[in-house]
Amino acid sequence: TRICVYDRPGTRPDGSDRSTPVPQPHTVVDDVDDVVRLIAAAHLPGPFVVAAHSYGGLVADLLARTRPDLVSGLVMVDPVSEFQQAVGTPAQNATFDRDGRVPATPGGEGVLFDDAFARIDVAPELPDIPAAVLSSGKFPPPAMLTPQNYTLEQIHRANAMLATELHTTNRIVADSGHNVMLYAPEDVADTIVSIVQRAR
């Protein structure tokens, strides 16, 4: 199996392997188009099992809907679920979109979440392909959260709705925080391998 790891433009502002700077904030369509161009430029034979983390889940979701010829399987690792707005309050949704637009660090990435949810809502249906959804079991302590933040229960519910859409289940990795691939790398790797095998 050949593995390609991709950093979105504007997501690695430090170190020697800087990703290409782009205007911020950007749209999910920009990201999907970038992935498609990257695949073509690198002459990568598809289709692909796409593993996506966090906001990358929305990119993978829209990619699978609009370019199903490129996607043979999906592994969503603590993703931002397309159903997150459905489980959130108006205040939580507005805060999430507002905070996403502002890069967390100077030169960092800004994301248009409301636009992403709207684009996915009008896109074609997800293809019927092998898929897995992993969710983190740990969350910031209550003292760090406000009523404008989503709760862990809401995120699990949104991810369970996504899993249902993908004809799978939402598996919670109990001792993992949001970066599941760092807390439980074997879990993520084993899940990807299992989806690759099913796709084959």
Foldseek 3Di string as FASTA:
>chain_A
DDDDDDDDALAACDDDPHHHFDDAADELVVVLVVVVVVCVVVVPDDQDEDEAAAQRVLNVLQNQQPPVVNHQEYEYQLYPFLCLVVLADPLLVVVVQVVQRDAPDVSHYHYRVVNSSVSSVPTGAGDQHYYAAEHEQDDPDPVVDDSSHDDSVSSLVRSQVVQVSNVHGYHYPNHDDRPCCVVPVVVSVVVSVVRVVRSD
